[in-house]
């Protein structure tokens, strides 16, 4: 009878230690890491948008398109 009570008390103690020394800290850490990843992703998105915006504003707008090497150029036939 006493062993049974000690056994159940030991099981309750193990469950307590498992909950408060392992499960809850892992849960809190996981939640914090996810939050920091979301914030970092948001900062990266903002940075990318700023770069795209600055590249678009710095890009010169030429009226005549430049020909790339290897493009086909029209020519007149000689007779």
PDB file of N, CA and C in Angstrom:
ATOM      1  N   UNK A   1       0.821  -1.195   0.000  1.00  0.00           N
ATOM      2  CA  UNK A   1       0.000   0.000   0.000  1.00  0.00           C
ATOM      3  C   UNK A   1       0.868   1.264   0.000  1.00  0.00           C
ATOM      4  N   UNK A   2       1.872   1.306   0.831  1.00  0.00           N
ATOM      5  CA  UNK A   2       2.740   2.482   0.908  1.00  0.00           C
ATOM      6  C   UNK A   2       3.558   2.643  -0.374  1.00  0.00           C
ATOM      7  N   UNK A   3       3.938   1.504  -0.971  1.00  0.00           N
ATOM      8  CA  UNK A   3       4.696   1.561  -2.216  1.00  0.00           C
ATOM      9  C   UNK A   3       3.854   2.133  -3.359  1.00  0.00           C
ATOM     10  N   UNK A   4       2.587   1.786  -3.331  1.00  0.00           N
ATOM     11  CA  UNK A   4       1.695   2.301  -4.365  1.00  0.00           C
ATOM     12  C   UNK A   4       1.569   3.822  -4.255  1.00  0.00           C
ATOM     13  N   UNK A   5       1.447   4.335  -3.051  1.00  0.00           N
ATOM     14  CA  UNK A   5       1.344   5.785  -2.836  1.00  0.00           C
ATOM     15  C   UNK A   5       2.655   6.458  -3.237  1.00  0.00           C
ATOM     16  N   UNK A   6       3.790   5.864  -2.861  1.00  0.00           N
ATOM     17  CA  UNK A   6       5.082   6.418  -3.242  1.00  0.00           C
ATOM     18  C   UNK A   6       5.273   6.389  -4.765  1.00  0.00           C
ATOM     19  N   UNK A   7       4.812   5.315  -5.394  1.00  0.00           N
ATOM     20  CA  UNK A   7       4.917   5.203  -6.842  1.00  0.00           C
ATOM     21  C   UNK A   7       4.101   6.291  -7.539  1.00  0.00           C
ATOM     22  N   UNK A   8       2.870   6.513  -7.085  1.00  0.00           N
ATOM     23  CA  UNK A   8       2.033   7.561  -7.680  1.00  0.00           C
ATOM     24  C   UNK A   8       2.600   8.948  -7.395  1.00  0.00           C
ATOM     25  N   UNK A   9       3.144   9.152  -6.215  1.00  0.00           N
ATOM     26  CA  UNK A   9       3.758  10.436  -5.889  1.00  0.00           C
ATOM     27  C   UNK A   9       4.967  10.678  -6.802  1.00  0.00           C
ATOM     28  N   UNK A  10       5.739   9.622  -7.045  1.00  0.00           N
ATOM     29  CA  UNK A  10       6.885   9.733  -7.937  1.00  0.00           C
ATOM     30  C   UNK A  10       6.439  10.044  -9.364  1.00  0.00           C
ATOM     31  N   UNK A  11       5.362   9.402  -9.831  1.00  0.00           N
ATOM     32  CA  UNK A  11       4.829   9.691 -11.166  1.00  0.00           C
ATOM     33  C   UNK A  11       4.350  11.135 -11.272  1.00  0.00           C
ATOM     34  N   UNK A  12       3.686  11.629 -10.237  1.00  0.00           N
ATOM     35  CA  UNK A  12       3.218  13.024 -10.239  1.00  0.00           C
ATOM     36  C   UNK A  12       4.419  13.965 -10.284  1.00  0.00           C
ATOM     37  N   UNK A  13       5.467  13.637  -9.519  1.00  0.00           N
ATOM     38  CA  UNK A  13       6.676  14.451  -9.521  1.00  0.00           C
ATOM     39  C   UNK A  13       7.320  14.456 -10.912  1.00  0.00           C
ATOM     40  N   UNK A  14       7.401  13.297 -11.558  1.00  0.00           N
ATOM     41  CA  UNK A  14       7.984  13.223 -12.903  1.00  0.00           C
ATOM     42  C   UNK A  14       7.163  14.019 -13.907  1.00  0.00           C
ATOM     43  N   UNK A  15       5.846  13.927 -13.821  1.00  0.00           N
ATOM     44  CA  UNK A  15       4.995  14.716 -14.719  1.00  0.00           C
ATOM     45  C   UNK A  15       5.182  16.218 -14.482  1.00  0.00           C
ATOM     46  N   UNK A  16       5.287  16.596 -13.226  1.00  0.00           N
ATOM     47  CA  UNK A  16       5.518  18.000 -12.877  1.00  0.00           C
ATOM     48  C   UNK A  16       6.841  18.484 -13.474  1.00  0.00           C
ATOM     49  N   UNK A  17       7.906  17.714 -13.277  1.00  0.00           N
ATOM     50  CA  UNK A  17       9.219  18.089 -13.797  1.00  0.00           C
ATOM     51  C   UNK A  17       9.197  18.139 -15.338  1.00  0.00           C
ATOM     52  N   UNK A  18       8.525  17.180 -15.948  1.00  0.00           N
ATOM     53  CA  UNK A  18       8.430  17.157 -17.402  1.00  0.00           C
ATOM     54  C   UNK A  18       7.723  18.407 -17.912  1.00  0.00           C
ATOM     55  N   UNK A  19       6.627  18.756 -17.285  1.00  0.00           N
ATOM     56  CA  UNK A  19       5.858  19.923 -17.727  1.00  0.00           C
ATOM     57  C   UNK A  19       6.650  21.218 -17.565  1.00  0.00           C
ATOM     58  N   UNK A  20       7.170  21.452 -16.366  1.00  0.00           N
ATOM     59  CA  UNK A  20       7.755  22.755 -16.062  1.00  0.00           C
ATOM     60  C   UNK A  20       9.234  22.868 -16.427  1.00  0.00           C
ATOM     61  N   UNK A  21       9.915  21.773 -16.645  1.00  0.00           N
ATOM     62  CA  UNK A  21      11.324  21.846 -17.021  1.00  0.00           C
ATOM     63  C   UNK A  21      11.559  21.534 -18.496  1.00  0.00           C
ATOM     64  N   UNK A  22      10.566  21.000 -19.191  1.00  0.00           N
ATOM     65  CA  UNK A  22      10.778  20.657 -20.597  1.00  0.00           C
ATOM     66  C   UNK A  22       9.701  21.220 -21.512  1.00  0.00           C
ATOM     67  N   UNK A  23       8.457  20.843 -21.298  1.00  0.00           N
ATOM     68  CA  UNK A  23       7.392  21.189 -22.244  1.00  0.00           C
ATOM     69  C   UNK A  23       7.138  22.692 -22.299  1.00  0.00           C
ATOM     70  N   UNK A  24       6.978  23.341 -21.162  1.00  0.00           N
ATOM     71  CA  UNK A  24       6.687  24.781 -21.153  1.00  0.00           C
ATOM     72  C   UNK A  24       7.860  25.595 -21.699  1.00  0.00           C
ATOM     73  N   UNK A  25       9.119  25.328 -21.295  1.00  0.00           N
ATOM     74  CA  UNK A  25      10.219  26.102 -21.911  1.00  0.00           C
ATOM     75  C   UNK A  25      10.356  25.881 -23.418  1.00  0.00           C
ATOM     76  N   UNK A  26      10.136  24.669 -23.886  1.00  0.00           N
ATOM     77  CA  UNK A  26      10.205  24.412 -25.333  1.00  0.00           C
ATOM     78  C   UNK A  26       9.099  25.179 -26.045  1.00  0.00           C
ATOM     79  N   UNK A  27       7.918  25.203 -25.486  1.00  0.00           N
ATOM     80  CA  UNK A  27       6.797  25.940 -26.081  1.00  0.00           C
ATOM     81  C   UNK A  27       7.108  27.435 -26.152  1.00  0.00           C
ATOM     82  N   UNK A  28       7.619  27.996 -25.061  1.00  0.00           N
ATOM     83  CA  UNK A  28       7.933  29.426 -25.047  1.00  0.00           C
ATOM     84  C   UNK A  28       9.043  29.764 -26.030  1.00  0.00           C
ATOM     85  N   UNK A  29      10.054  28.928 -26.091  1.00  0.00           N
ATOM     86  CA  UNK A  29      11.165  29.168 -27.011  1.00  0.00           C
ATOM     87  C   UNK A  29      10.698  29.082 -28.453  1.00  0.00           C
ATOM     88  N   UNK A  30       9.889  28.099 -28.761  1.00  0.00           N
ATOM     89  CA  UNK A  30       9.365  27.939 -30.121  1.00  0.00           C
ATOM     90  C   UNK A  30       8.541  29.154 -30.524  1.00  0.00           C
ATOM     91  N   UNK A  31       7.718  29.619 -29.625  1.00  0.00           N
ATOM     92  CA  UNK A  31       6.890  30.795 -29.918  1.00  0.00           C
ATOM     93  C   UNK A  31       7.752  32.033 -30.141  1.00  0.00           C
ATOM     94  N   UNK A  32       8.803  32.203 -29.332  1.00  0.00           N
ATOM     95  CA  UNK A  32       9.686  33.358 -29.472  1.00  0.00           C
ATOM     96  C   UNK A  32      10.463  33.293 -30.791  1.00  0.00           C
ATOM     97  N   UNK A  33      10.960  32.112 -31.152  1.00  0.00           N
ATOM     98  CA  UNK A  33      11.708  31.967 -32.402  1.00  0.00           C
ATOM     99  C   UNK A  33      10.806  32.258 -33.600  1.00  0.00           C
ATOM    100  N   UNK A  34       9.572  31.761 -33.576  1.00  0.00           N
ATOM    101  CA  UNK A  34       8.642  32.045 -34.673  1.00  0.00           C
ATOM    102  C   UNK A  34       8.384  33.543 -34.796  1.00  0.00           C
ATOM    103  N   UNK A  35       8.217  34.206 -33.663  1.00  0.00           N
ATOM    104  CA  UNK A  35       7.962  35.643 -33.674  1.00  0.00           C
ATOM    105  C   UNK A  35       9.152  36.392 -34.276  1.00  0.00           C
ATOM    106  N   UNK A  36      10.369  36.014 -33.876  1.00  0.00           N
ATOM    107  CA  UNK A  36      11.553  36.684 -34.394  1.00  0.00           C
ATOM    108  C   UNK A  36      11.740  36.414 -35.887  1.00  0.00           C
ATOM    109  N   UNK A  37      11.421  35.206 -36.352  1.00  0.00           N
ATOM    110  CA  UNK A  37      11.501  34.915 -37.780  1.00  0.00           C
ATOM    111  C   UNK A  37      10.501  35.753 -38.565  1.00  0.00           C
ATOM    112  N   UNK A  38       9.287  35.909 -38.037  1.00  0.00           N
ATOM    113  CA  UNK A  38       8.301  36.750 -38.723  1.00  0.00           C
ATOM    114  C   UNK A  38       8.785  38.193 -38.812  1.00  0.00           C
ATOM    115  N   UNK A  39       9.365  38.706 -37.710  1.00  0.00           N
ATOM    116  CA  UNK A  39       9.870  40.076 -37.721  1.00  0.00           C
ATOM    117  C   UNK A  39      11.014  40.229 -38.717  1.00  0.00           C
ATOM    118  N   UNK A  40      11.925  39.260 -38.740  1.00  0.00           N
ATOM    119  CA  UNK A  40      13.052  39.321 -39.663  1.00  0.00           C
ATOM    120  C   UNK A  40      12.558  39.245 -41.105  1.00  0.00           C
ATOM    121  N   UNK A  41      11.570  38.410 -41.365  1.00  0.00           N
ATOM    122  CA  UNK A  41      11.003  38.300 -42.712  1.00  0.00           C
ATOM    123  C   UNK A  41      10.372  39.631 -43.128  1.00  0.00           C
ATOM    124  N   UNK A  42       9.674  40.261 -42.206  1.00  0.00           N
ATOM    125  CA  UNK A  42       9.068  41.564 -42.499  1.00  0.00           C
ATOM    126  C   UNK A  42      10.117  42.618 -42.808  1.00  0.00           C
ATOM    127  N   UNK A  43      11.214  42.617 -42.028  1.00  0.00           N
ATOM    128  CA  UNK A  43      12.287  43.582 -42.288  1.00  0.00           C
ATOM    129  C   UNK A  43      12.934  43.316 -43.644  1.00  0.00           C
ATOM    130  N   UNK A  44      13.115  42.051 -43.988  1.00  0.00           N
ATOM    131  CA  UNK A  44      13.695  41.719 -45.288  1.00  0.00           C
ATOM    132  C   UNK A  44      12.778  42.169 -46.419  1.00  0.00           C
ATOM    133  N   UNK A  45      11.473  41.980 -46.263  1.00  0.00           N
ATOM    134  CA  UNK A  45      10.522  42.414 -47.290  1.00  0.00           C
ATOM    135  C   UNK A  45      10.583  43.931 -47.464  1.00  0.00           C
ATOM    136  N   UNK A  46      10.632  44.668 -46.349  1.00  0.00           N
ATOM    137  CA  UNK A  46      10.724  46.124 -46.426  1.00  0.00           C
ATOM    138  C   UNK A  46      12.005  46.544 -47.140  1.00  0.00           C
ATOM    139  N   UNK A  47      13.095  45.894 -46.802  1.00  0.00           N
ATOM    140  CA  UNK A  47      14.380  46.225 -47.411  1.00  0.00           C
ATOM    141  C   UNK A  47      14.353  45.951 -48.913  1.00  0.00           C
ATOM    142  N   UNK A  48      13.775  44.822 -49.303  1.00  0.00           N
ATOM    143  CA  UNK A  48      13.688  44.483 -50.723  1.00  0.00           C
ATOM    144  C   UNK A  48      12.825  45.512 -51.468  1.00  0.00           C
ATOM    145  N   UNK A  49      11.716  45.929 -50.860  1.00  0.00           N
ATOM    146  CA  UNK A  49      10.847  46.919 -51.502  1.00  0.00           C
ATOM    147  C   UNK A  49      11.568  48.257 -51.647  1.00  0.00           C
ATOM    148  N   UNK A  50      12.342  48.634 -50.625  1.00  0.00           N
ATOM    149  CA  UNK A  50      13.095  49.881 -50.707  1.00  0.00           C
ATOM    150  C   UNK A  50      14.132  49.810 -51.820  1.00  0.00           C
ATOM    151  N   UNK A  51      14.815  48.669 -51.939  1.00  0.00           N
ATOM    152  CA  UNK A  51      15.809  48.519 -53.003  1.00  0.00           C
ATOM    153  C   UNK A  51      15.149  48.584 -54.371  1.00  0.00           C
ATOM    154  N   UNK A  52      14.023  47.916 -54.529  1.00  0.00           N
ATOM    155  CA  UNK A  52      13.335  47.939 -55.822  1.00  0.00           C
ATOM    156  C   UNK A  52      12.875  49.347 -56.152  1.00  0.00           C
ATOM    157  N   UNK A  53      12.373  50.043 -55.154  1.00  0.00           N
ATOM    158  CA  UNK A  53      11.899  51.408 -55.373  1.00  0.00           C
ATOM    159  C   UNK A  53      13.059  52.320 -55.756  1.00  0.00           C
ATOM    160  N   UNK A  54      14.191  52.180 -55.071  1.00  0.00           N
ATOM    161  CA  UNK A  54      15.331  53.044 -55.388  1.00  0.00           C
ATOM    162  C   UNK A  54      15.919  52.694 -56.749  1.00  0.00           C
ATOM    163  N   UNK A  55      15.911  51.431 -57.145  1.00  0.00           N
ATOM    164  CA  UNK A  55      16.409  51.044 -58.462  1.00  0.00           C
ATOM    165  C   UNK A  55      15.506  51.589 -59.559  1.00  0.00           C
ATOM    166  N   UNK A  56      14.206  51.581 -59.332  1.00  0.00           N
ATOM    167  CA  UNK A  56      13.280  52.085 -60.339  1.00  0.00           C
ATOM    168  C   UNK A  56      13.418  53.592 -60.489  1.00  0.00           C
ATOM    169  N   UNK A  57      13.657  54.293 -59.403  1.00  0.00           N
ATOM    170  CA  UNK A  57      13.771  55.744 -59.493  1.00  0.00           C
ATOM    171  C   UNK A  57      15.118  56.159 -60.071  1.00  0.00           C
ATOM    172  N   UNK A  58      16.147  55.329 -59.936  1.00  0.00           N
ATOM    173  CA  UNK A  58      17.458  55.672 -60.470  1.00  0.00           C
ATOM    174  C   UNK A  58      17.620  55.248 -61.918  1.00  0.00           C
ATOM    175  N   UNK A  59      16.778  54.404 -62.418  1.00  0.00           N
ATOM    176  CA  UNK A  59      16.882  53.875 -63.766  1.00  0.00           C
ATOM    177  C   UNK A  59      16.593  54.990 -64.780  1.00  0.00           C
ATOM    178  N   UNK A  60      17.550  55.269 -65.679  1.00  0.00           N
ATOM    179  CA  UNK A  60      17.287  56.328 -66.675  1.00  0.00           C
ATOM    180  C   UNK A  60      16.273  55.842 -67.699  1.00  0.00           C
ATOM    181  N   UNK A  61      15.419  56.768 -68.100  1.00  0.00           N
ATOM    182  CA  UNK A  61      14.381  56.409 -69.056  1.00  0.00           C
ATOM    183  C   UNK A  61      14.823  56.910 -70.428  1.00  0.00           C
ATOM    184  N   UNK A  62      15.344  56.012 -71.203  1.00  0.00           N
ATOM    185  CA  UNK A  62      15.819  56.397 -72.536  1.00  0.00           C
ATOM    186  C   UNK A  62      14.669  56.227 -73.526  1.00  0.00           C
ATOM    187  N   UNK A  63      14.621  57.157 -74.487  1.00  0.00           N
ATOM    188  CA  UNK A  63      13.547  57.105 -75.467  1.00  0.00           C
ATOM    189  C   UNK A  63      13.866  56.133 -76.588  1.00  0.00           C
ATOM    190  N   UNK A  64      15.133  55.995 -76.935  1.00  0.00           N
ATOM    191  CA  UNK A  64      15.510  55.073 -78.000  1.00  0.00           C
ATOM    192  C   UNK A  64      16.008  53.779 -77.370  1.00  0.00           C
ATOM    193  N   UNK A  65      15.426  52.684 -77.763  1.00  0.00           N
ATOM    194  CA  UNK A  65      15.898  51.421 -77.192  1.00  0.00           C
ATOM    195  C   UNK A  65      17.264  51.070 -77.748  1.00  0.00           C
ATOM    196  N   UNK A  66      18.140  50.606 -76.900  1.00  0.00           N
ATOM    197  CA  UNK A  66      19.476  50.213 -77.329  1.00  0.00           C
ATOM    198  C   UNK A  66      19.410  48.796 -77.875  1.00  0.00           C
ATOM    199  N   UNK A  67      20.191  48.564 -78.919  1.00  0.00           N
ATOM    200  CA  UNK A  67      20.215  47.218 -79.491  1.00  0.00           C
ATOM    201  C   UNK A  67      21.251  46.388 -78.758  1.00  0.00           C
ATOM    202  N   UNK A  68      20.892  45.201 -78.502  1.00  0.00           N
ATOM    203  CA  UNK A  68      21.806  44.284 -77.838  1.00  0.00           C
ATOM    204  C   UNK A  68      22.684  43.627 -78.887  1.00  0.00           C
ATOM    205  N   UNK A  69      23.882  43.264 -78.530  1.00  0.00           N
ATOM    206  CA  UNK A  69      24.726  42.553 -79.498  1.00  0.00           C
ATOM    207  C   UNK A  69      24.050  41.245 -79.903  1.00  0.00           C
ATOM    208  N   UNK A  70      24.052  40.978 -81.178  1.00  0.00           N
ATOM    209  CA  UNK A  70      23.436  39.763 -81.667  1.00  0.00           C
ATOM    210  C   UNK A  70      22.001  39.954 -82.096  1.00  0.00           C
ATOM    211  N   UNK A  71      21.424  41.134 -81.872  1.00  0.00           N
ATOM    212  CA  UNK A  71      20.062  41.390 -82.332  1.00  0.00           C
ATOM    213  C   UNK A  71      20.060  41.558 -83.849  1.00  0.00           C
ATOM    214  N   UNK A  72      18.948  41.306 -84.454  1.00  0.00           N
ATOM    215  CA  UNK A  72      18.805  41.425 -85.901  1.00  0.00           C
ATOM    216  C   UNK A  72      18.679  42.894 -86.269  1.00  0.00           C
ATOM    217  N   UNK A  73      19.450  43.330 -87.225  1.00  0.00           N
ATOM    218  CA  UNK A  73      19.393  44.708 -87.703  1.00  0.00           C
ATOM    219  C   UNK A  73      18.924  44.669 -89.159  1.00  0.00           C
ATOM    220  N   UNK A  74      17.890  45.444 -89.468  1.00  0.00           N
ATOM    221  CA  UNK A  74      17.378  45.503 -90.842  1.00  0.00           C
ATOM    222  C   UNK A  74      18.396  46.166 -91.762  1.00  0.00           C
ATOM    223  N   UNK A  75      18.467  45.728 -92.960  1.00  0.00           N
ATOM    224  CA  UNK A  75      19.325  46.338 -93.949  1.00  0.00           C
ATOM    225  C   UNK A  75      18.642  46.308 -95.305  1.00  0.00           C
ATOM    226  N   UNK A  76      19.082  47.198 -96.163  1.00  0.00           N
ATOM    227  CA  UNK A  76      18.506  47.256 -97.516  1.00  0.00           C
ATOM    228  C   UNK A  76      19.292  46.312 -98.429  1.00  0.00           C
ATOM    229  N   UNK A  77      18.564  45.720 -99.324  1.00  0.00           N
ATOM    230  CA  UNK A  77      19.230  44.848-100.282  1.00  0.00           C
ATOM    231  C   UNK A  77      19.895  45.700-101.350  1.00  0.00           C
ATOM    232  N   UNK A  78      21.059  45.268-101.782  1.00  0.00           N
ATOM    233  CA  UNK A  78      21.780  45.950-102.850  1.00  0.00           C
ATOM    234  C   UNK A  78      21.485  45.270-104.170  1.00  0.00           C
ATOM    235  N   UNK A  79      21.316  46.043-105.264  1.00  0.00           N
ATOM    236  CA  UNK A  79      21.040  45.452-106.580  1.00  0.00           C
ATOM    237  C   UNK A  79      22.202  45.593-107.486  1.00  0.00           C
TER     238      UNK A  79
END
